Amino acid sequence: MTVTSPVDTLDVAAIRLAWNRSTSASPEQWSARNRARGQCAITACVVQDCLGGRIIRTEATLPGGNTESHYANLLEHDVILDLTESQFPEGTVFGSWEERTREYVLGFPTTNARYLRLVQRLNELRTLQKVQAAGLPA
């Protein structure tokens, strides 16, 4: 099932603000100090909603040798946009990138649910910003 997001412009600050424990694939490791933790797959989908391009995946090898799946976006002119790289410690090594379809990424029920929560939080933030910009009480 393909899910499309009503988010139509990329607001990186809003995305980072919308990340929370409930949108993380690693809620036990998520913290306010590492907001990007576990947000890569769903963030790659939101970026694709806004900018198009392709979703790409790699293996991240942490300094201790453990590996984790990691997602980002490949945009025009082969520009890689990775809004969640900061979740990894210094010394993390990334492998080669491979394309993954949106259907693949959102085909995992928990990932799809987290994506829908992130989109909902982004839309709530957008509404709040509009209310505040209009000078109305939030």
C-alpha atoms as a PDB file:
ATOM      1  CA  MET A   1       0.000   0.000   0.000  1.00  0.00           C
ATOM      2  CA  THR A   2       1.370   3.399  -0.956  1.00  0.00           C
ATOM      3  CA  VAL A   3       0.830   6.161   1.546  1.00  0.00           C
ATOM      4  CA  THR A   4       1.189   9.750   0.442  1.00  0.00           C
ATOM      5  CA  SER A   5       1.824  12.550   2.849  1.00  0.00           C
ATOM      6  CA  PRO A   6      -0.021  15.853   2.853  1.00  0.00           C
ATOM      7  CA  VAL A   7       3.265  17.483   3.842  1.00  0.00           C
ATOM      8  CA  ASP A   8       4.204  19.445   0.740  1.00  0.00           C
ATOM      9  CA  THR A   9       7.231  21.528   1.680  1.00  0.00           C
ATOM     10  CA  LEU A  10      10.402  20.431   3.407  1.00  0.00           C
ATOM     11  CA  ASP A  11      10.738  22.122   6.780  1.00  0.00           C
ATOM     12  CA  VAL A  12      13.773  20.483   8.364  1.00  0.00           C
ATOM     13  CA  ALA A  13      13.295  22.252  11.710  1.00  0.00           C
ATOM     14  CA  ALA A  14       9.689  21.033  11.909  1.00  0.00           C
ATOM     15  CA  ILE A  15      10.738  17.483  11.035  1.00  0.00           C
ATOM     16  CA  ARG A  16      13.330  17.505  13.800  1.00  0.00           C
ATOM     17  CA  LEU A  17      10.801  18.948  16.234  1.00  0.00           C
ATOM     18  CA  ALA A  18       8.209  16.315  15.262  1.00  0.00           C
ATOM     19  CA  TRP A  19      10.550  13.412  15.997  1.00  0.00           C
ATOM     20  CA  ASN A  20       9.814  11.774  19.324  1.00  0.00           C
ATOM     21  CA  ARG A  21       9.944   8.422  21.073  1.00  0.00           C
ATOM     22  CA  SER A  22       6.713   7.258  19.393  1.00  0.00           C
ATOM     23  CA  THR A  23       8.115   7.881  15.901  1.00  0.00           C
ATOM     24  CA  SER A  24      11.441   6.157  16.607  1.00  0.00           C
ATOM     25  CA  ALA A  25      12.305   2.620  15.496  1.00  0.00           C
ATOM     26  CA  SER A  26      14.474   2.480  18.652  1.00  0.00           C
ATOM     27  CA  PRO A  27      12.291   4.077  21.331  1.00  0.00           C
ATOM     28  CA  GLU A  28      14.451   2.701  24.149  1.00  0.00           C
ATOM     29  CA  GLN A  29      17.489   4.502  22.657  1.00  0.00           C
ATOM     30  CA  TRP A  30      15.671   7.705  21.668  1.00  0.00           C
ATOM     31  CA  SER A  31      16.303  10.820  23.749  1.00  0.00           C
ATOM     32  CA  ALA A  32      15.843  14.561  23.476  1.00  0.00           C
ATOM     33  CA  ARG A  33      19.635  14.747  23.041  1.00  0.00           C
ATOM     34  CA  ASN A  34      19.510  12.295  20.110  1.00  0.00           C
ATOM     35  CA  ARG A  35      16.188  13.116  18.476  1.00  0.00           C
ATOM     36  CA  ALA A  36      17.238  11.552  15.140  1.00  0.00           C
ATOM     37  CA  ARG A  37      17.644   8.107  16.728  1.00  0.00           C
ATOM     38  CA  GLY A  38      15.528   5.587  14.822  1.00  0.00           C
ATOM     39  CA  GLN A  39      13.919   8.174  12.524  1.00  0.00           C
ATOM     40  CA  CYS A  40      15.733   7.468   9.241  1.00  0.00           C
ATOM     41  CA  ALA A  41      13.237   5.339   7.280  1.00  0.00           C
ATOM     42  CA  ILE A  42      10.210   7.503   7.988  1.00  0.00           C
ATOM     43  CA  THR A  43      12.152  10.722   7.507  1.00  0.00           C
ATOM     44  CA  ALA A  44      13.366   9.477   4.113  1.00  0.00           C
ATOM     45  CA  CYS A  45       9.709   8.941   3.157  1.00  0.00           C
ATOM     46  CA  VAL A  46       8.732  12.465   4.273  1.00  0.00           C
ATOM     47  CA  VAL A  47      11.667  13.948   2.356  1.00  0.00           C
ATOM     48  CA  GLN A  48      10.538  12.009  -0.714  1.00  0.00           C
ATOM     49  CA  ASP A  49       7.008  13.399  -0.215  1.00  0.00           C
ATOM     50  CA  CYS A  50       8.418  16.913  -0.310  1.00  0.00           C
ATOM     51  CA  LEU A  51      11.316  16.744  -2.750  1.00  0.00           C
ATOM     52  CA  GLY A  52      10.847  13.569  -4.750  1.00  0.00           C
ATOM     53  CA  GLY A  53      13.961  11.615  -5.504  1.00  0.00           C
ATOM     54  CA  ARG A  54      14.748   8.118  -4.359  1.00  0.00           C
ATOM     55  CA  ILE A  55      15.036   6.398  -0.997  1.00  0.00           C
ATOM     56  CA  ILE A  56      18.403   4.755  -0.413  1.00  0.00           C
ATOM     57  CA  ARG A  57      19.646   2.331   2.240  1.00  0.00           C
ATOM     58  CA  THR A  58      23.040   1.365   3.607  1.00  0.00           C
ATOM     59  CA  GLU A  59      24.578  -0.496   6.515  1.00  0.00           C
ATOM     60  CA  ALA A  60      26.053   1.699   9.227  1.00  0.00           C
ATOM     61  CA  THR A  61      28.928   0.039  11.081  1.00  0.00           C
ATOM     62  CA  LEU A  62      29.242   1.549  14.548  1.00  0.00           C
ATOM     63  CA  PRO A  63      32.636   2.005  16.236  1.00  0.00           C
ATOM     64  CA  GLY A  64      32.050  -1.153  18.326  1.00  0.00           C
ATOM     65  CA  GLY A  65      31.419  -3.238  15.188  1.00  0.00           C
ATOM     66  CA  ASN A  66      27.612  -3.544  15.386  1.00  0.00           C
ATOM     67  CA  THR A  67      25.731  -2.780  12.182  1.00  0.00           C
ATOM     68  CA  GLU A  68      22.413  -1.043  11.656  1.00  0.00           C
ATOM     69  CA  SER A  69      20.255  -0.350   8.633  1.00  0.00           C
ATOM     70  CA  HIS A  70      20.182   3.307   7.637  1.00  0.00           C
ATOM     71  CA  TYR A  71      18.057   5.255   5.125  1.00  0.00           C
ATOM     72  CA  ALA A  72      18.488   8.609   3.370  1.00  0.00           C
ATOM     73  CA  ASN A  73      17.476  10.253   0.089  1.00  0.00           C
ATOM     74  CA  LEU A  74      19.097  10.548  -3.313  1.00  0.00           C
ATOM     75  CA  LEU A  75      18.011  13.753  -5.023  1.00  0.00           C
ATOM     76  CA  GLU A  76      18.713  15.314  -8.409  1.00  0.00           C
ATOM     77  CA  HIS A  77      22.352  15.545  -9.501  1.00  0.00           C
ATOM     78  CA  ASP A  78      23.197  12.599  -7.194  1.00  0.00           C
ATOM     79  CA  VAL A  79      22.890  14.728  -4.060  1.00  0.00           C
ATOM     80  CA  ILE A  80      22.482  12.592  -0.921  1.00  0.00           C
ATOM     81  CA  LEU A  81      20.305  14.201   1.742  1.00  0.00           C
ATOM     82  CA  ASP A  82      20.627  12.482   5.114  1.00  0.00           C
ATOM     83  CA  LEU A  83      18.678  14.278   7.837  1.00  0.00           C
ATOM     84  CA  THR A  84      19.314  11.566  10.438  1.00  0.00           C
ATOM     85  CA  GLU A  85      23.048  10.861  10.149  1.00  0.00           C
ATOM     86  CA  SER A  86      23.508  12.671  13.471  1.00  0.00           C
ATOM     87  CA  GLN A  87      21.961   9.690  15.292  1.00  0.00           C
ATOM     88  CA  PHE A  88      25.235   7.781  14.884  1.00  0.00           C
ATOM     89  CA  PRO A  89      28.381   8.260  16.961  1.00  0.00           C
ATOM     90  CA  GLU A  90      31.565   9.657  15.514  1.00  0.00           C
ATOM     91  CA  GLY A  91      33.532   6.933  13.774  1.00  0.00           C
ATOM     92  CA  THR A  92      30.490   5.243  12.225  1.00  0.00           C
ATOM     93  CA  VAL A  93      31.303   3.896   8.758  1.00  0.00           C
ATOM     94  CA  PHE A  94      28.617   3.767   6.060  1.00  0.00           C
ATOM     95  CA  GLY A  95      28.594   1.145   3.311  1.00  0.00           C
ATOM     96  CA  SER A  96      27.470   1.631  -0.248  1.00  0.00           C
ATOM     97  CA  TRP A  97      23.952   2.894  -0.895  1.00  0.00           C
ATOM     98  CA  GLU A  98      21.242   0.790  -2.531  1.00  0.00           C
ATOM     99  CA  GLU A  99      17.874   2.012  -3.707  1.00  0.00           C
ATOM    100  CA  ARG A 100      14.758   0.843  -1.842  1.00  0.00           C
ATOM    101  CA  THR A 101      11.219   1.485  -2.978  1.00  0.00           C
ATOM    102  CA  ARG A 102       8.776   3.428  -0.878  1.00  0.00           C
ATOM    103  CA  GLU A 103       6.535   0.355  -0.914  1.00  0.00           C
ATOM    104  CA  TYR A 104       9.362  -1.693   0.573  1.00  0.00           C
ATOM    105  CA  VAL A 105      10.115   0.832   3.321  1.00  0.00           C
ATOM    106  CA  LEU A 106       6.458   1.353   4.280  1.00  0.00           C
ATOM    107  CA  GLY A 107       5.635  -2.333   3.807  1.00  0.00           C
ATOM    108  CA  PHE A 108       6.651  -2.980   7.401  1.00  0.00           C
ATOM    109  CA  PRO A 109       3.538  -2.321   9.535  1.00  0.00           C
ATOM    110  CA  THR A 110       5.414  -0.672  12.411  1.00  0.00           C
ATOM    111  CA  THR A 111       7.335   1.583  10.018  1.00  0.00           C
ATOM    112  CA  ASN A 112       4.123   2.578   8.267  1.00  0.00           C
ATOM    113  CA  ALA A 113       2.491   3.389  11.610  1.00  0.00           C
ATOM    114  CA  ARG A 114       5.473   5.510  12.657  1.00  0.00           C
ATOM    115  CA  TYR A 115       5.417   7.317   9.302  1.00  0.00           C
ATOM    116  CA  LEU A 116       1.728   8.145   9.748  1.00  0.00           C
ATOM    117  CA  ARG A 117       2.451   9.461  13.271  1.00  0.00           C
ATOM    118  CA  LEU A 118       5.273  11.650  11.956  1.00  0.00           C
ATOM    119  CA  VAL A 119       3.071  13.063   9.182  1.00  0.00           C
ATOM    120  CA  GLN A 120       0.324  13.744  11.729  1.00  0.00           C
ATOM    121  CA  ARG A 121       2.757  15.531  14.052  1.00  0.00           C
ATOM    122  CA  LEU A 122       4.087  17.614  11.130  1.00  0.00           C
ATOM    123  CA  ASN A 123       0.574  18.625  10.121  1.00  0.00           C
ATOM    124  CA  GLU A 124      -0.245  19.552  13.729  1.00  0.00           C
ATOM    125  CA  LEU A 125       2.901  21.710  13.891  1.00  0.00           C
ATOM    126  CA  ARG A 126       1.989  23.373  10.605  1.00  0.00           C
ATOM    127  CA  THR A 127      -1.515  24.158  11.904  1.00  0.00           C
ATOM    128  CA  LEU A 128      -0.078  25.556  15.137  1.00  0.00           C
ATOM    129  CA  GLN A 129       2.346  27.741  13.176  1.00  0.00           C
ATOM    130  CA  LYS A 130      -0.514  29.115  11.057  1.00  0.00           C
ATOM    131  CA  VAL A 131      -2.588  29.865  14.143  1.00  0.00           C
ATOM    132  CA  GLN A 132       0.332  31.628  15.791  1.00  0.00           C
ATOM    133  CA  ALA A 133       1.146  33.567  12.610  1.00  0.00           C
ATOM    134  CA  ALA A 134      -2.456  34.775  12.507  1.00  0.00           C
ATOM    135  CA  GLY A 135      -2.136  36.017  16.078  1.00  0.00           C
ATOM    136  CA  LEU A 136      -4.806  33.640  17.359  1.00  0.00           C
ATOM    137  CA  PRO A 137      -4.515  31.856  20.698  1.00  0.00           C
ATOM    138  CA  ALA A 138      -3.132  28.321  20.278  1.00  0.00           C
END
